[in-house]
Amino acid sequence: MFVLWLKGFFGYILKWSGSISTDRWVFFRTAVGESSVLELNSFWGRFLGIKLYDYSEQIAKQSPILFFPRTRALHQLFSNYPLVVVFIDYQGKVLRQDCLRVGRVMMQKGAWGAFECLPEQKWQLLELLDNEKTMRQLLN
């Protein structure tokens, strides 16, 4: 019951703060089509992360890869599925790639930012990391 209330509360806060959000979308081409990255700069976007989207097989194909600039740590405290996490330095070089399990926190010394996606999207994340134009756009 508390979880449903909490989800409703965060949904209300996100709708209210959506007009002043500093989050931005970046689109890039993959071998299969077009994918998207959501750069999270707002407090609520960074706090909730992938919980901004309800997880299902259909959503997994449409949810964006999340990018958290200026961070060295990510958590998976309010979710019930694992995520693929990649930490990068300020030049876009991969420092660590791992699976973040439920109820865990992951930190990386020297990281400038981190990408987070569902396991079904790992191939998109790898294509993003190889796409120099999109990486330059995200790092600037």
N, C-alpha and C. Protein backbone atom coordinates (compact mmCIF):
# COMPACT_ATOMS: atom_id res chain seq x y z
N MET A 1 0.82 -1.19 0.00
CA MET A 1 0.00 0.00 0.00
C MET A 1 0.86 1.25 0.00
N PHE A 2 1.90 1.23 0.85
CA PHE A 2 2.79 2.39 0.92
C PHE A 2 3.50 2.62 -0.41
N VAL A 3 3.88 1.53 -1.10
CA VAL A 3 4.57 1.65 -2.38
C VAL A 3 3.67 2.32 -3.41
N LEU A 4 2.39 1.96 -3.44
CA LEU A 4 1.46 2.60 -4.37
C LEU A 4 1.31 4.08 -4.05
N TRP A 5 1.23 4.43 -2.77
CA TRP A 5 1.14 5.83 -2.38
C TRP A 5 2.39 6.58 -2.80
N LEU A 6 3.55 5.97 -2.57
CA LEU A 6 4.83 6.60 -2.91
C LEU A 6 4.94 6.83 -4.41
N LYS A 7 4.52 5.84 -5.20
CA LYS A 7 4.55 5.98 -6.65
C LYS A 7 3.62 7.10 -7.11
N GLY A 8 2.43 7.19 -6.52
CA GLY A 8 1.51 8.26 -6.85
C GLY A 8 2.05 9.63 -6.46
N PHE A 9 2.70 9.69 -5.30
CA PHE A 9 3.29 10.95 -4.84
C PHE A 9 4.38 11.43 -5.78
N PHE A 10 5.30 10.51 -6.16
CA PHE A 10 6.38 10.88 -7.07
C PHE A 10 5.83 11.24 -8.45
N GLY A 11 4.78 10.55 -8.89
CA GLY A 11 4.15 10.89 -10.16
C GLY A 11 3.60 12.31 -10.14
N TYR A 12 2.97 12.69 -9.02
CA TYR A 12 2.45 14.04 -8.88
C TYR A 12 3.57 15.06 -8.90
N ILE A 13 4.64 14.80 -8.17
CA ILE A 13 5.79 15.73 -8.13
C ILE A 13 6.40 15.87 -9.52
N LEU A 14 6.54 14.76 -10.24
CA LEU A 14 7.12 14.82 -11.59
C LEU A 14 6.25 15.63 -12.54
N LYS A 15 4.94 15.47 -12.46
CA LYS A 15 4.05 16.25 -13.32
C LYS A 15 4.14 17.74 -12.97
N TRP A 16 4.22 18.04 -11.68
CA TRP A 16 4.28 19.43 -11.23
C TRP A 16 5.59 20.08 -11.64
N SER A 17 6.70 19.34 -11.52
CA SER A 17 8.01 19.93 -11.80
C SER A 17 8.44 19.76 -13.25
N GLY A 18 7.62 19.13 -14.08
CA GLY A 18 8.01 18.87 -15.46
C GLY A 18 8.28 20.12 -16.26
N SER A 19 7.58 21.22 -15.97
CA SER A 19 7.75 22.44 -16.75
C SER A 19 9.06 23.15 -16.41
N ILE A 20 9.67 22.84 -15.27
CA ILE A 20 10.92 23.52 -14.91
C ILE A 20 12.10 22.55 -14.97
N SER A 21 11.91 21.44 -15.61
CA SER A 21 12.94 20.41 -15.68
C SER A 21 14.09 20.85 -16.58
N THR A 22 15.29 20.43 -16.25
CA THR A 22 16.47 20.70 -17.06
C THR A 22 16.93 19.45 -17.79
N ASP A 23 16.11 18.41 -17.78
CA ASP A 23 16.44 17.18 -18.50
C ASP A 23 16.34 17.45 -20.00
N ARG A 24 17.12 16.69 -20.80
CA ARG A 24 17.04 16.88 -22.25
C ARG A 24 17.16 15.55 -22.97
N TRP A 25 16.57 15.50 -24.16
CA TRP A 25 16.58 14.31 -25.01
C TRP A 25 17.65 14.44 -26.08
N VAL A 26 18.32 13.32 -26.37
CA VAL A 26 19.28 13.24 -27.48
C VAL A 26 18.93 11.97 -28.26
N PHE A 27 18.81 12.10 -29.58
CA PHE A 27 18.46 10.96 -30.42
C PHE A 27 19.65 10.56 -31.27
N PHE A 28 19.80 9.26 -31.53
CA PHE A 28 20.90 8.77 -32.37
C PHE A 28 20.44 7.56 -33.17
N ARG A 29 21.13 7.32 -34.26
CA ARG A 29 20.79 6.20 -35.14
C ARG A 29 21.56 4.95 -34.73
N THR A 30 20.86 3.81 -34.81
CA THR A 30 21.49 2.52 -34.56
C THR A 30 21.35 1.68 -35.83
N ALA A 31 21.88 0.47 -35.79
CA ALA A 31 21.78 -0.42 -36.95
C ALA A 31 20.33 -0.79 -37.24
N VAL A 32 19.49 -0.77 -36.23
CA VAL A 32 18.09 -1.18 -36.39
C VAL A 32 17.15 -0.01 -36.63
N GLY A 33 17.48 1.16 -36.11
CA GLY A 33 16.60 2.31 -36.23
C GLY A 33 17.13 3.47 -35.41
N GLU A 34 16.22 4.19 -34.77
CA GLU A 34 16.60 5.33 -33.96
C GLU A 34 16.40 5.00 -32.49
N SER A 35 17.33 5.46 -31.65
CA SER A 35 17.24 5.28 -30.20
C SER A 35 17.35 6.64 -29.54
N SER A 36 17.07 6.67 -28.25
CA SER A 36 17.11 7.94 -27.54
C SER A 36 17.85 7.81 -26.21
N VAL A 37 18.42 8.95 -25.81
CA VAL A 37 19.09 9.07 -24.52
C VAL A 37 18.42 10.22 -23.79
N LEU A 38 18.08 10.00 -22.55
CA LEU A 38 17.51 11.06 -21.72
C LEU A 38 18.58 11.48 -20.72
N GLU A 39 19.07 12.71 -20.87
CA GLU A 39 20.07 13.26 -19.94
C GLU A 39 19.32 13.82 -18.74
N LEU A 40 19.57 13.26 -17.57
CA LEU A 40 18.85 13.64 -16.36
C LEU A 40 19.66 14.64 -15.54
N ASN A 41 19.14 15.87 -15.47
CA ASN A 41 19.78 16.92 -14.70
C ASN A 41 18.93 17.38 -13.51
N SER A 42 17.63 17.10 -13.55
CA SER A 42 16.75 17.55 -12.47
C SER A 42 16.86 16.61 -11.26
N PHE A 43 16.51 17.11 -10.10
CA PHE A 43 16.60 16.30 -8.88
C PHE A 43 15.74 15.05 -8.98
N TRP A 44 14.46 15.21 -9.35
CA TRP A 44 13.55 14.07 -9.37
C TRP A 44 13.91 13.08 -10.47
N GLY A 45 14.36 13.57 -11.61
CA GLY A 45 14.79 12.68 -12.67
C GLY A 45 15.98 11.84 -12.25
N ARG A 46 16.94 12.47 -11.58
CA ARG A 46 18.13 11.75 -11.13
C ARG A 46 17.79 10.80 -9.98
N PHE A 47 16.88 11.19 -9.11
CA PHE A 47 16.51 10.36 -7.96
C PHE A 47 15.76 9.10 -8.40
N LEU A 48 14.80 9.25 -9.31
CA LEU A 48 13.97 8.12 -9.73
C LEU A 48 14.58 7.31 -10.86
N GLY A 49 15.33 7.93 -11.74
CA GLY A 49 15.98 7.21 -12.83
C GLY A 49 15.01 6.42 -13.67
N ILE A 50 15.26 5.14 -13.82
CA ILE A 50 14.45 4.28 -14.70
C ILE A 50 13.04 4.10 -14.16
N LYS A 51 12.79 4.41 -12.90
CA LYS A 51 11.44 4.31 -12.34
C LYS A 51 10.51 5.37 -12.93
N LEU A 52 11.07 6.30 -13.73
CA LEU A 52 10.21 7.22 -14.45
C LEU A 52 9.34 6.46 -15.44
N TYR A 53 9.75 5.25 -15.78
CA TYR A 53 9.04 4.41 -16.73
C TYR A 53 8.66 3.11 -16.04
N ASP A 54 7.43 2.68 -16.20
CA ASP A 54 7.02 1.37 -15.67
C ASP A 54 7.64 0.31 -16.55
N TYR A 55 8.22 -0.71 -15.92
CA TYR A 55 8.90 -1.76 -16.66
C TYR A 55 7.91 -2.78 -17.21
N SER A 56 8.01 -3.05 -18.49
CA SER A 56 7.29 -4.14 -19.13
C SER A 56 8.05 -4.44 -20.42
N GLU A 57 7.73 -5.53 -21.05
CA GLU A 57 8.44 -5.90 -22.28
C GLU A 57 8.23 -4.84 -23.36
N GLN A 58 7.03 -4.27 -23.42
CA GLN A 58 6.75 -3.26 -24.43
C GLN A 58 7.52 -1.97 -24.13
N ILE A 59 7.54 -1.56 -22.87
CA ILE A 59 8.25 -0.35 -22.49
C ILE A 59 9.75 -0.52 -22.67
N ALA A 60 10.26 -1.73 -22.45
CA ALA A 60 11.70 -1.98 -22.57
C ALA A 60 12.21 -1.64 -23.96
N LYS A 61 11.37 -1.81 -24.97
CA LYS A 61 11.79 -1.49 -26.33
C LYS A 61 11.74 0.00 -26.61
N GLN A 62 10.97 0.76 -25.83
CA GLN A 62 10.76 2.17 -26.10
C GLN A 62 11.41 3.09 -25.07
N SER A 63 11.79 2.59 -23.91
CA SER A 63 12.35 3.47 -22.89
C SER A 63 13.75 3.92 -23.30
N PRO A 64 14.11 5.13 -22.94
CA PRO A 64 15.42 5.65 -23.35
C PRO A 64 16.55 5.09 -22.50
N ILE A 65 17.75 5.24 -23.02
CA ILE A 65 18.94 5.01 -22.21
C ILE A 65 19.08 6.26 -21.35
N LEU A 66 19.34 6.09 -20.07
CA LEU A 66 19.45 7.25 -19.18
C LEU A 66 20.91 7.62 -19.00
N PHE A 67 21.18 8.93 -19.04
CA PHE A 67 22.54 9.45 -18.84
C PHE A 67 22.52 10.39 -17.64
N PHE A 68 23.39 10.11 -16.69
CA PHE A 68 23.53 10.93 -15.49
C PHE A 68 24.88 11.63 -15.53
N PRO A 69 24.91 12.89 -15.97
CA PRO A 69 26.20 13.60 -15.98
C PRO A 69 26.60 13.99 -14.56
N ARG A 70 27.89 14.18 -14.36
CA ARG A 70 28.44 14.63 -13.07
C ARG A 70 28.01 13.73 -11.91
N THR A 71 28.19 12.43 -12.07
CA THR A 71 27.89 11.50 -10.98
C THR A 71 28.94 10.40 -10.93
N ARG A 72 29.16 9.90 -9.73
CA ARG A 72 30.10 8.80 -9.52
C ARG A 72 29.40 7.59 -8.88
N ALA A 73 28.09 7.71 -8.65
CA ALA A 73 27.37 6.62 -7.98
C ALA A 73 25.93 6.54 -8.50
N LEU A 74 25.42 5.31 -8.56
CA LEU A 74 24.03 5.06 -8.92
C LEU A 74 23.43 4.08 -7.92
N HIS A 75 22.12 4.16 -7.73
CA HIS A 75 21.46 3.21 -6.83
C HIS A 75 20.33 2.52 -7.56
N GLN A 76 19.91 1.41 -7.01
CA GLN A 76 18.79 0.63 -7.54
C GLN A 76 17.91 0.24 -6.35
N LEU A 77 17.51 1.24 -5.57
CA LEU A 77 16.83 0.97 -4.31
C LEU A 77 15.32 0.79 -4.44
N PHE A 78 14.68 1.43 -5.39
CA PHE A 78 13.23 1.40 -5.46
C PHE A 78 12.73 0.59 -6.64
N SER A 79 13.52 -0.33 -7.11
CA SER A 79 13.17 -1.08 -8.29
C SER A 79 13.22 -2.57 -8.01
N ASN A 80 12.73 -3.36 -8.96
CA ASN A 80 12.74 -4.80 -8.75
C ASN A 80 13.29 -5.55 -9.96
N TYR A 81 14.19 -4.93 -10.70
CA TYR A 81 14.86 -5.57 -11.83
C TYR A 81 16.26 -4.98 -11.98
N PRO A 82 17.21 -5.75 -12.47
CA PRO A 82 18.58 -5.27 -12.62
C PRO A 82 18.73 -4.33 -13.82
N LEU A 83 19.81 -3.55 -13.80
CA LEU A 83 20.10 -2.62 -14.89
C LEU A 83 21.55 -2.79 -15.35
N VAL A 84 21.80 -2.43 -16.58
CA VAL A 84 23.17 -2.37 -17.10
C VAL A 84 23.66 -0.95 -16.86
N VAL A 85 24.85 -0.82 -16.26
CA VAL A 85 25.41 0.49 -15.91
C VAL A 85 26.80 0.61 -16.52
N VAL A 86 27.07 1.78 -17.11
CA VAL A 86 28.40 2.07 -17.65
C VAL A 86 28.84 3.42 -17.10
N PHE A 87 29.98 3.44 -16.42
CA PHE A 87 30.57 4.69 -15.93
C PHE A 87 31.60 5.17 -16.93
N ILE A 88 31.62 6.49 -17.20
CA ILE A 88 32.57 7.06 -18.14
C ILE A 88 33.34 8.21 -17.48
N ASP A 89 34.50 8.55 -18.04
CA ASP A 89 35.23 9.71 -17.56
C ASP A 89 34.80 10.93 -18.38
N TYR A 90 35.44 12.08 -18.16
CA TYR A 90 35.00 13.32 -18.81
C TYR A 90 35.26 13.32 -20.32
N GLN A 91 36.07 12.38 -20.81
CA GLN A 91 36.33 12.27 -22.25
C GLN A 91 35.45 11.22 -22.92
N GLY A 92 34.65 10.51 -22.15
CA GLY A 92 33.78 9.49 -22.70
C GLY A 92 34.37 8.09 -22.69
N LYS A 93 35.54 7.93 -22.10
CA LYS A 93 36.18 6.62 -22.02
C LYS A 93 35.47 5.77 -20.97
N VAL A 94 35.19 4.52 -21.30
CA VAL A 94 34.48 3.62 -20.38
C VAL A 94 35.43 3.21 -19.25
N LEU A 95 34.99 3.46 -18.01
CA LEU A 95 35.77 3.08 -16.83
C LEU A 95 35.28 1.76 -16.25
N ARG A 96 33.98 1.53 -16.34
CA ARG A 96 33.40 0.32 -15.75
C ARG A 96 32.07 0.02 -16.40
N GLN A 97 31.84 -1.25 -16.69
CA GLN A 97 30.56 -1.71 -17.22
C GLN A 97 30.13 -2.91 -16.40
N ASP A 98 28.94 -2.82 -15.82
CA ASP A 98 28.52 -3.86 -14.89
C ASP A 98 27.00 -3.92 -14.82
N CYS A 99 26.50 -4.93 -14.12
CA CYS A 99 25.07 -5.09 -13.88
C CYS A 99 24.77 -4.63 -12.45
N LEU A 100 23.88 -3.67 -12.32
CA LEU A 100 23.48 -3.16 -11.01
C LEU A 100 22.26 -3.93 -10.55
N ARG A 101 22.43 -4.74 -9.51
CA ARG A 101 21.33 -5.56 -9.01
C ARG A 101 20.40 -4.77 -8.09
N VAL A 102 19.26 -5.33 -7.85
CA VAL A 102 18.22 -4.71 -7.03
C VAL A 102 18.74 -4.47 -5.61
N GLY A 103 18.43 -3.30 -5.07
CA GLY A 103 18.80 -2.98 -3.69
C GLY A 103 20.26 -2.66 -3.48
N ARG A 104 20.98 -2.36 -4.55
CA ARG A 104 22.42 -2.11 -4.46
C ARG A 104 22.76 -0.68 -4.86
N VAL A 105 23.95 -0.26 -4.46
CA VAL A 105 24.53 1.01 -4.87
C VAL A 105 25.86 0.70 -5.53
N MET A 106 26.15 1.39 -6.62
CA MET A 106 27.40 1.17 -7.33
C MET A 106 28.13 2.50 -7.47
N MET A 107 29.43 2.51 -7.13
CA MET A 107 30.25 3.72 -7.22
C MET A 107 31.49 3.44 -8.06
N GLN A 108 32.01 4.50 -8.69
CA GLN A 108 33.22 4.37 -9.47
C GLN A 108 34.07 5.62 -9.27
N LYS A 109 35.24 5.44 -8.71
CA LYS A 109 36.16 6.55 -8.50
C LYS A 109 36.64 7.08 -9.85
N GLY A 110 36.68 8.39 -9.98
CA GLY A 110 37.16 9.01 -11.21
C GLY A 110 36.12 9.13 -12.31
N ALA A 111 34.91 8.68 -12.06
CA ALA A 111 33.86 8.76 -13.09
C ALA A 111 33.33 10.18 -13.19
N TRP A 112 32.95 10.57 -14.39
CA TRP A 112 32.33 11.87 -14.61
C TRP A 112 30.83 11.73 -14.82
N GLY A 113 30.41 10.58 -15.34
CA GLY A 113 29.00 10.35 -15.61
C GLY A 113 28.71 8.87 -15.72
N ALA A 114 27.43 8.56 -15.89
CA ALA A 114 27.04 7.15 -15.99
C ALA A 114 25.83 6.99 -16.90
N PHE A 115 25.81 5.87 -17.61
CA PHE A 115 24.66 5.47 -18.42
C PHE A 115 23.98 4.32 -17.72
N GLU A 116 22.66 4.26 -17.87
CA GLU A 116 21.87 3.21 -17.25
C GLU A 116 20.80 2.77 -18.25
N CYS A 117 20.65 1.46 -18.41
CA CYS A 117 19.61 0.96 -19.31
C CYS A 117 19.16 -0.43 -18.86
N LEU A 118 18.09 -0.89 -19.45
CA LEU A 118 17.59 -2.24 -19.18
C LEU A 118 18.48 -3.25 -19.90
N PRO A 119 18.57 -4.46 -19.40
CA PRO A 119 19.41 -5.47 -20.05
C PRO A 119 19.05 -5.70 -21.53
N GLU A 120 17.79 -5.56 -21.89
CA GLU A 120 17.37 -5.74 -23.28
C GLU A 120 17.91 -4.65 -24.19
N GLN A 121 18.38 -3.55 -23.63
CA GLN A 121 18.88 -2.41 -24.40
C GLN A 121 20.40 -2.34 -24.43
N LYS A 122 21.07 -3.33 -23.93
CA LYS A 122 22.53 -3.27 -23.83
C LYS A 122 23.18 -3.04 -25.20
N TRP A 123 22.65 -3.64 -26.24
CA TRP A 123 23.21 -3.45 -27.59
C TRP A 123 23.10 -1.99 -28.02
N GLN A 124 22.02 -1.31 -27.65
CA GLN A 124 21.87 0.11 -27.99
C GLN A 124 22.91 0.95 -27.24
N LEU A 125 23.13 0.60 -25.99
CA LEU A 125 24.12 1.33 -25.20
C LEU A 125 25.52 1.16 -25.79
N LEU A 126 25.86 -0.04 -26.22
CA LEU A 126 27.17 -0.26 -26.84
C LEU A 126 27.31 0.52 -28.14
N GLU A 127 26.24 0.60 -28.92
CA GLU A 127 26.27 1.41 -30.15
C GLU A 127 26.41 2.89 -29.82
N LEU A 128 25.76 3.34 -28.76
CA LEU A 128 25.88 4.73 -28.34
C LEU A 128 27.31 5.06 -27.97
N LEU A 129 27.96 4.19 -27.23
CA LEU A 129 29.34 4.44 -26.81
C LEU A 129 30.29 4.50 -27.99
N ASP A 130 29.95 3.84 -29.09
CA ASP A 130 30.77 3.88 -30.31
C ASP A 130 30.44 5.07 -31.21
N ASN A 131 29.34 5.76 -30.95
CA ASN A 131 28.88 6.88 -31.77
C ASN A 131 29.53 8.17 -31.28
N GLU A 132 30.60 8.61 -31.94
CA GLU A 132 31.38 9.77 -31.49
C GLU A 132 30.56 11.05 -31.49
N LYS A 133 29.73 11.25 -32.51
CA LYS A 133 28.94 12.49 -32.61
C LYS A 133 27.99 12.63 -31.42
N THR A 134 27.27 11.58 -31.10
CA THR A 134 26.32 11.63 -29.99
C THR A 134 27.04 11.77 -28.65
N MET A 135 28.16 11.09 -28.49
CA MET A 135 28.92 11.20 -27.24
C MET A 135 29.44 12.61 -27.03
N ARG A 136 29.91 13.26 -28.11
CA ARG A 136 30.36 14.67 -28.01
C ARG A 136 29.21 15.56 -27.59
N GLN A 137 28.02 15.30 -28.15
CA GLN A 137 26.84 16.10 -27.82
C GLN A 137 26.47 15.94 -26.34
N LEU A 138 26.59 14.74 -25.82
CA LEU A 138 26.25 14.50 -24.41
C LEU A 138 27.30 15.06 -23.46
N LEU A 139 28.55 15.01 -23.84
CA LEU A 139 29.63 15.43 -22.94
C LEU A 139 29.80 16.94 -22.91
N ASN A 140 29.22 17.65 -23.86
CA ASN A 140 29.33 19.13 -23.86
C ASN A 140 28.14 19.77 -23.23
